[in-house]
Amino acid sequence: MKLARWTDPDGTLSEGFVIDDAVVPFPDGMTVASVLEQGLGGAQKLFDRVQSAPRTSLSHIQLLAPLTPTTVRDFVAFEEHVEGVSAGVEGKSNVAAEWYEAPTFYFTNPHTISGTGAVIGPPVCERLDFELELAAVIGGGPDAPESNLDVDQGESVIFGYCIMNDWSARDLQAREMQVRLGPAKGKDFGMTLGPWIVTADEFAPYLDAEGFLAVRAEAYINGELVGEDLVSNMGWPFPELVAYASRNSRVVPGDVLGSGTVGNGGCLGELWGRNGGLTPPPLNVGDAVRLVIEGLGEIQNTVGAPVPAPPIPAARPRTRQRRR
């Protein structure tokens, strides 16, 4: 099954299933969020109900991001990506020993999500980049666990998957991470999810013996292939990422967990580190970025003009006096 959100020709927001080359709204005014809460079993019952319902061609609608996430956790699960990016940032390739001990993620902004076809307005920056990722979407269902899940439970709450592009302003990111926090403003201006959510059961043929998803991922800039990898090169399979995210915390329907950037050119930052310079060049206005993942389809976005923001002054020296 494929779940999507879209705008109809009259501008109406609709949510429902993608069936072949058409879309069908959910019955009873349901939304992607409410279907995720029901889990895969509830989604299947709805899907059976709409088989004879009227359909609208995909060519007549504009796809949006397939959900409005409750939270977005983005992991860094590809060793090859860390090797390349560290070479560009630190001058030498280095994977910290701590990377191997447990999955690492950061929380990013769920309020700046876009869908395929959107024009991305980045901040004013000099090193705009994309990141090709696979994202898991959490679902619910009767008695679905939320906290301190084991790996089997982690697998049970994965509703489906979509493609993720974690847009990155590398120069802004490099500055703020010198303060040992972030990434923040180098990332939170935009993320693309899409083109739809494909339910987890459809990926069973791609699972290898250890539970990794052996789907092919490709990145293109202006039609030129710049990166390709198998998602099975992750250091941890998705159920383990979900279990880790739930440690002493909660994962709930609508949460999104990104795999982190795939290796072998899944972003420009990795290639800059390996090539010893800005080759290929950073993204610029008008560039078209197309990300393709086997079993999911593709998302494509165009880089728009940078969006200036009001200035913020630098920190001022303070006296550090302790009494008024």
Protein backbone atom coordinates (compact mmCIF):
# COMPACT_ATOMS: atom_id res chain seq x y z
CA MET A 1 0.00 0.00 0.00
CA LYS A 2 1.02 3.59 -0.64
CA LEU A 3 -0.25 6.49 1.49
CA ALA A 4 -0.05 10.07 0.32
CA ARG A 5 -1.20 13.66 0.81
CA TRP A 6 -1.89 15.96 -2.12
CA THR A 7 -3.65 19.06 -3.38
CA ASP A 8 -6.45 18.58 -5.88
CA PRO A 9 -6.83 20.78 -9.00
CA ASP A 10 -9.09 23.14 -7.01
CA GLY A 11 -6.47 23.48 -4.25
CA THR A 12 -8.23 21.18 -1.76
CA LEU A 13 -6.00 19.15 0.55
CA SER A 14 -6.69 15.42 0.31
CA GLU A 15 -5.18 12.33 1.94
CA GLY A 16 -5.49 8.74 0.86
CA PHE A 17 -4.04 5.85 -1.08
CA VAL A 18 -2.05 5.75 -4.30
CA ILE A 19 -3.31 2.90 -6.48
CA ASP A 20 -1.51 2.34 -9.76
CA ASP A 21 -1.32 5.80 -11.39
CA ALA A 22 -4.13 7.39 -9.38
CA VAL A 23 -5.11 8.55 -5.90
CA VAL A 24 -8.17 7.66 -3.82
CA PRO A 25 -9.12 9.63 -0.67
CA PHE A 26 -9.52 7.79 2.60
CA PRO A 27 -13.14 7.13 3.59
CA ASP A 28 -14.82 8.82 6.57
CA GLY A 29 -12.55 11.87 6.45
CA MET A 30 -9.59 9.93 7.78
CA THR A 31 -6.07 11.31 7.47
CA VAL A 32 -2.60 9.80 7.16
CA ALA A 33 -2.10 10.59 10.85
CA SER A 34 -5.22 8.71 11.91
CA VAL A 35 -4.37 5.75 9.67
CA LEU A 36 -0.87 5.55 11.17
CA GLU A 37 -2.43 5.34 14.62
CA GLN A 38 -4.46 2.31 13.52
CA GLY A 39 -1.41 0.47 12.23
CA LEU A 40 -1.02 -1.77 9.21
CA GLY A 41 -4.08 -3.86 10.04
CA GLY A 42 -6.36 -0.85 10.06
CA ALA A 43 -4.77 0.50 6.87
CA GLN A 44 -5.43 -2.78 5.06
CA LYS A 45 -9.12 -2.68 5.96
CA LEU A 46 -9.40 0.87 4.62
CA PHE A 47 -7.54 -0.10 1.47
CA ASP A 48 -10.00 -2.92 0.82
CA ARG A 49 -12.91 -0.47 1.18
CA VAL A 50 -11.70 1.97 -1.49
CA GLN A 51 -11.01 -0.46 -4.32
CA SER A 52 -14.13 0.58 -6.23
CA ALA A 53 -14.05 4.26 -5.24
CA PRO A 54 -13.52 7.02 -7.87
CA ARG A 55 -9.89 7.77 -8.64
CA THR A 56 -7.97 10.86 -9.76
CA SER A 57 -4.90 10.58 -11.96
CA LEU A 58 -1.57 11.44 -10.40
CA SER A 59 -1.00 13.77 -13.33
CA HIS A 60 -3.89 15.96 -12.10
CA ILE A 61 -2.71 16.48 -8.52
CA GLN A 62 0.35 17.85 -6.68
CA LEU A 63 1.87 15.51 -4.14
CA LEU A 64 2.76 16.94 -0.73
CA ALA A 65 4.94 15.45 1.99
CA PRO A 66 3.13 12.20 2.85
CA LEU A 67 2.76 13.13 6.52
CA THR A 68 3.21 15.92 9.02
CA PRO A 69 5.67 14.23 11.39
CA THR A 70 5.21 14.33 15.14
CA THR A 71 9.02 14.26 15.49
CA VAL A 72 11.96 13.73 13.15
CA ARG A 73 15.02 11.86 14.38
CA ASP A 74 17.84 11.68 11.86
CA PHE A 75 20.52 9.06 12.44
CA VAL A 76 24.05 8.84 11.02
CA ALA A 77 24.15 5.12 10.29
CA PHE A 78 26.52 4.88 7.29
CA GLU A 79 30.21 4.51 8.14
CA GLU A 80 31.27 5.51 4.61
CA HIS A 81 29.42 8.82 4.91
CA VAL A 82 31.15 9.61 8.21
CA GLU A 83 34.55 8.81 6.68
CA GLY A 84 34.05 11.18 3.76
CA VAL A 85 32.45 14.09 5.61
CA SER A 86 35.06 13.97 8.39
CA ALA A 87 37.81 14.31 5.76
CA GLY A 88 36.21 17.53 4.54
CA VAL A 89 35.61 18.97 8.01
CA GLU A 90 38.69 17.77 9.93
CA GLY A 91 41.18 17.41 7.09
CA LYS A 92 41.46 13.64 7.55
CA SER A 93 39.10 10.71 7.38
CA ASN A 94 38.08 9.63 10.87
CA VAL A 95 35.24 7.61 12.36
CA ALA A 96 35.15 8.11 16.12
CA ALA A 97 35.21 4.93 18.18
CA GLU A 98 31.97 6.09 19.80
CA TRP A 99 30.17 5.84 16.45
CA TYR A 100 30.44 2.04 16.58
CA GLU A 101 29.09 1.74 20.12
CA ALA A 102 25.48 2.82 19.48
CA PRO A 103 23.39 4.62 16.85
CA THR A 104 23.56 8.42 17.00
CA PHE A 105 20.84 10.85 15.89
CA TYR A 106 19.72 14.45 16.17
CA PHE A 107 16.24 15.93 16.28
CA THR A 108 15.33 18.24 13.42
CA ASN A 109 12.45 20.57 12.55
CA PRO A 110 9.10 18.94 11.66
CA HIS A 111 7.68 22.33 10.61
CA THR A 112 9.77 22.88 7.47
CA ILE A 113 8.90 19.66 5.64
CA SER A 114 8.28 19.79 1.90
CA GLY A 115 7.17 17.31 -0.72
CA THR A 116 8.42 16.31 -4.13
CA GLY A 117 8.21 19.10 -6.67
CA ALA A 118 8.66 21.88 -4.13
CA VAL A 119 11.14 24.69 -4.74
CA ILE A 120 13.58 24.82 -1.82
CA GLY A 121 14.46 28.28 -0.50
CA PRO A 122 17.73 27.83 1.42
CA PRO A 123 19.32 30.33 3.80
CA VAL A 124 22.09 32.55 2.49
CA CYS A 125 25.06 30.16 2.43
CA GLU A 126 28.04 29.11 0.34
CA ARG A 127 27.90 25.31 0.60
CA LEU A 128 24.36 24.08 0.01
CA ASP A 129 24.07 20.30 -0.04
CA PHE A 130 21.51 17.49 -0.22
CA GLU A 131 21.42 14.22 1.73
CA LEU A 132 19.96 11.01 0.32
CA GLU A 133 18.29 8.94 3.05
CA LEU A 134 15.63 6.32 3.66
CA ALA A 135 13.17 7.15 6.44
CA ALA A 136 11.04 4.82 8.54
CA VAL A 137 7.58 5.99 9.63
CA ILE A 138 6.22 4.75 12.95
CA GLY A 139 2.69 3.40 13.21
CA GLY A 140 0.47 2.18 15.99
CA GLY A 141 -2.24 -0.41 16.46
CA PRO A 142 -3.74 -2.22 19.43
CA ASP A 143 -1.34 -2.19 22.39
CA ALA A 144 1.55 -0.91 20.24
CA PRO A 145 4.57 -0.41 22.54
CA GLU A 146 6.11 3.06 22.84
CA SER A 147 8.94 2.94 25.38
CA ASN A 148 12.04 0.76 25.84
CA LEU A 149 11.22 -1.47 22.89
CA ASP A 150 13.31 -4.51 22.08
CA VAL A 151 14.35 -5.10 18.47
CA ASP A 152 11.35 -7.29 17.59
CA GLN A 153 9.00 -4.65 18.97
CA GLY A 154 10.93 -2.02 17.03
CA GLU A 155 10.22 -3.92 13.84
CA SER A 156 6.54 -4.31 14.74
CA VAL A 157 5.89 -0.55 14.92
CA ILE A 158 7.50 0.35 11.58
CA PHE A 159 4.48 1.22 9.43
CA GLY A 160 6.39 2.01 6.26
CA TYR A 161 9.13 3.96 4.52
CA CYS A 162 9.65 7.08 2.42
CA ILE A 163 12.56 8.93 0.81
CA MET A 164 14.20 11.73 2.82
CA ASN A 165 16.34 14.64 1.63
CA ASP A 166 17.97 16.34 4.61
CA TRP A 167 18.99 19.64 3.00
CA SER A 168 22.18 21.04 4.54
CA ALA A 169 23.99 24.39 4.56
CA ARG A 170 27.42 22.97 5.29
CA ASP A 171 29.17 26.27 6.09
CA LEU A 172 26.49 27.21 8.65
CA GLN A 173 26.56 23.69 10.07
CA ALA A 174 30.37 23.72 10.43
CA ARG A 175 30.33 26.97 12.43
CA GLU A 176 27.62 26.00 14.89
CA MET A 177 29.01 22.52 15.54
CA GLN A 178 32.24 24.07 16.77
CA VAL A 179 30.18 24.92 19.87
CA ARG A 180 29.55 21.16 20.35
CA LEU A 181 25.83 21.49 19.64
CA GLY A 182 23.75 21.05 16.55
CA PRO A 183 23.35 20.72 13.71
CA ALA A 184 20.73 23.45 13.93
CA LYS A 185 20.46 26.35 11.48
CA GLY A 186 22.60 24.44 9.00
CA LYS A 187 19.75 21.94 8.75
CA ASP A 188 16.38 23.11 10.02
CA PHE A 189 15.40 25.27 7.03
CA GLY A 190 14.17 22.33 5.00
CA MET A 191 13.65 18.61 4.64
CA THR A 192 11.85 16.79 1.84
CA LEU A 193 9.86 13.59 2.41
CA GLY A 194 8.08 11.59 -0.25
CA PRO A 195 6.79 10.79 -2.68
CA TRP A 196 4.52 8.66 -0.46
CA ILE A 197 4.73 6.13 2.39
CA VAL A 198 5.09 2.55 1.20
CA THR A 199 3.99 0.05 3.84
CA ALA A 200 6.68 -2.10 5.43
CA ASP A 201 5.24 -5.40 4.17
CA GLU A 202 6.16 -4.45 0.60
CA PHE A 203 9.86 -4.44 1.54
CA ALA A 204 9.97 -8.06 2.73
CA PRO A 205 11.62 -9.22 -0.54
CA TYR A 206 14.49 -6.76 0.03
CA LEU A 207 15.40 -7.93 3.55
CA ASP A 208 18.70 -9.79 3.83
CA ALA A 209 19.49 -12.51 6.38
CA GLU A 210 20.42 -9.94 9.06
CA GLY A 211 17.35 -7.78 8.59
CA PHE A 212 18.97 -5.03 6.50
CA LEU A 213 17.06 -3.51 3.59
CA ALA A 214 19.05 -4.18 0.42
CA VAL A 215 17.39 -1.48 -1.69
CA ARG A 216 19.36 0.62 -4.16
CA ALA A 217 19.57 4.38 -3.62
CA GLU A 218 20.66 6.90 -6.26
CA ALA A 219 21.24 10.67 -6.30
CA TYR A 220 21.18 12.86 -9.41
CA ILE A 221 21.97 16.56 -9.89
CA ASN A 222 20.66 18.04 -13.13
CA GLY A 223 20.28 14.52 -14.50
CA GLU A 224 23.83 13.39 -13.66
CA LEU A 225 24.33 10.46 -11.29
CA VAL A 226 26.52 11.64 -8.39
CA GLY A 227 25.92 8.93 -5.78
CA GLU A 228 24.71 5.35 -5.46
CA ASP A 229 24.61 2.85 -2.61
CA LEU A 230 22.68 0.01 -1.05
CA VAL A 231 20.75 0.92 2.10
CA SER A 232 21.91 -2.42 3.55
CA ASN A 233 25.31 -0.75 4.14
CA MET A 234 23.86 0.84 7.29
CA GLY A 235 25.63 -0.04 10.52
CA TRP A 236 22.31 -1.00 12.14
CA PRO A 237 19.01 -2.20 10.61
CA PHE A 238 15.95 -0.03 11.16
CA PRO A 239 14.36 -2.11 13.98
CA GLU A 240 17.50 -1.49 16.05
CA LEU A 241 17.30 2.25 15.34
CA VAL A 242 13.70 2.28 16.52
CA ALA A 243 14.56 0.33 19.66
CA TYR A 244 17.40 2.74 20.45
CA ALA A 245 15.20 5.79 19.86
CA SER A 246 12.68 4.41 22.36
CA ARG A 247 15.24 3.96 25.17
CA ASN A 248 13.99 5.84 28.21
CA SER A 249 11.81 7.77 25.78
CA ARG A 250 8.84 7.21 23.45
CA VAL A 251 8.23 6.51 19.78
CA VAL A 252 4.68 7.23 18.64
CA PRO A 253 2.66 7.07 15.39
CA GLY A 254 3.85 9.77 13.02
CA ASP A 255 7.46 9.78 14.21
CA VAL A 256 10.01 9.72 11.39
CA LEU A 257 13.45 8.10 11.73
CA GLY A 258 15.99 8.86 9.01
CA SER A 259 18.73 6.39 8.17
CA GLY A 260 21.33 9.09 7.77
CA THR A 261 23.04 9.78 4.46
CA VAL A 262 23.96 6.78 2.34
CA GLY A 263 27.59 6.36 1.35
CA ASN A 264 29.37 6.64 -1.98
CA GLY A 265 28.13 10.10 -2.90
CA GLY A 266 24.90 10.26 -0.93
CA CYS A 267 25.74 13.94 -0.39
CA LEU A 268 28.22 16.46 -1.76
CA GLY A 269 29.91 16.87 1.62
CA GLU A 270 31.25 13.32 1.45
CA LEU A 271 32.56 13.88 -2.07
CA TRP A 272 34.24 17.16 -1.05
CA GLY A 273 36.12 15.29 1.68
CA ARG A 274 37.22 12.51 -0.64
CA ASN A 275 38.14 14.87 -3.51
CA GLY A 276 39.96 17.40 -1.32
CA GLY A 277 37.86 20.35 -2.51
CA LEU A 278 34.45 21.56 -3.64
CA THR A 279 34.08 19.05 -6.47
CA PRO A 280 31.27 18.65 -7.50
CA PRO A 281 30.34 22.28 -6.72
CA PRO A 282 27.79 23.21 -4.05
CA LEU A 283 24.15 23.41 -5.12
CA ASN A 284 23.06 26.65 -6.72
CA VAL A 285 19.85 28.35 -7.79
CA GLY A 286 18.06 26.32 -10.45
CA ASP A 287 19.77 23.01 -9.72
CA ALA A 288 17.44 19.99 -9.84
CA VAL A 289 18.06 17.28 -7.23
CA ARG A 290 16.45 13.90 -7.87
CA LEU A 291 16.67 11.09 -5.31
CA VAL A 292 15.60 7.55 -6.21
CA ILE A 293 15.17 4.56 -3.90
CA GLU A 294 14.17 1.13 -5.12
CA GLY A 295 10.65 0.18 -4.07
CA LEU A 296 9.71 3.79 -3.28
CA GLY A 297 10.09 5.80 -6.47
CA GLU A 298 11.68 9.23 -6.52
CA ILE A 299 11.49 12.78 -5.24
CA GLN A 300 12.72 15.81 -7.16
CA ASN A 301 13.19 19.38 -6.01
CA THR A 302 14.65 22.55 -7.48
CA VAL A 303 16.87 24.94 -5.56
CA GLY A 304 15.33 28.39 -5.31
CA ALA A 305 16.82 31.76 -4.44
CA PRO A 306 18.43 32.10 -1.00
CA VAL A 307 16.18 33.65 1.64
CA PRO A 308 17.91 36.42 3.65
CA ALA A 309 17.09 36.60 7.35
CA PRO A 310 17.25 39.55 9.76
CA PRO A 311 20.71 39.81 11.34
CA ILE A 312 21.47 38.78 14.90
CA PRO A 313 24.33 40.57 16.70
CA ALA A 314 27.35 38.71 18.01
CA ALA A 315 27.68 37.96 21.72
CA ARG A 316 28.63 41.00 23.79
CA PRO A 317 31.36 40.94 26.47
CA ARG A 318 29.81 40.79 29.95
CA THR A 319 31.18 41.77 33.36
CA ARG A 320 30.29 38.50 35.07
CA GLN A 321 29.38 40.36 38.20
CA ARG A 322 27.28 38.26 40.61
CA ARG A 323 25.15 40.91 42.31
CA ARG A 324 22.96 43.72 41.03
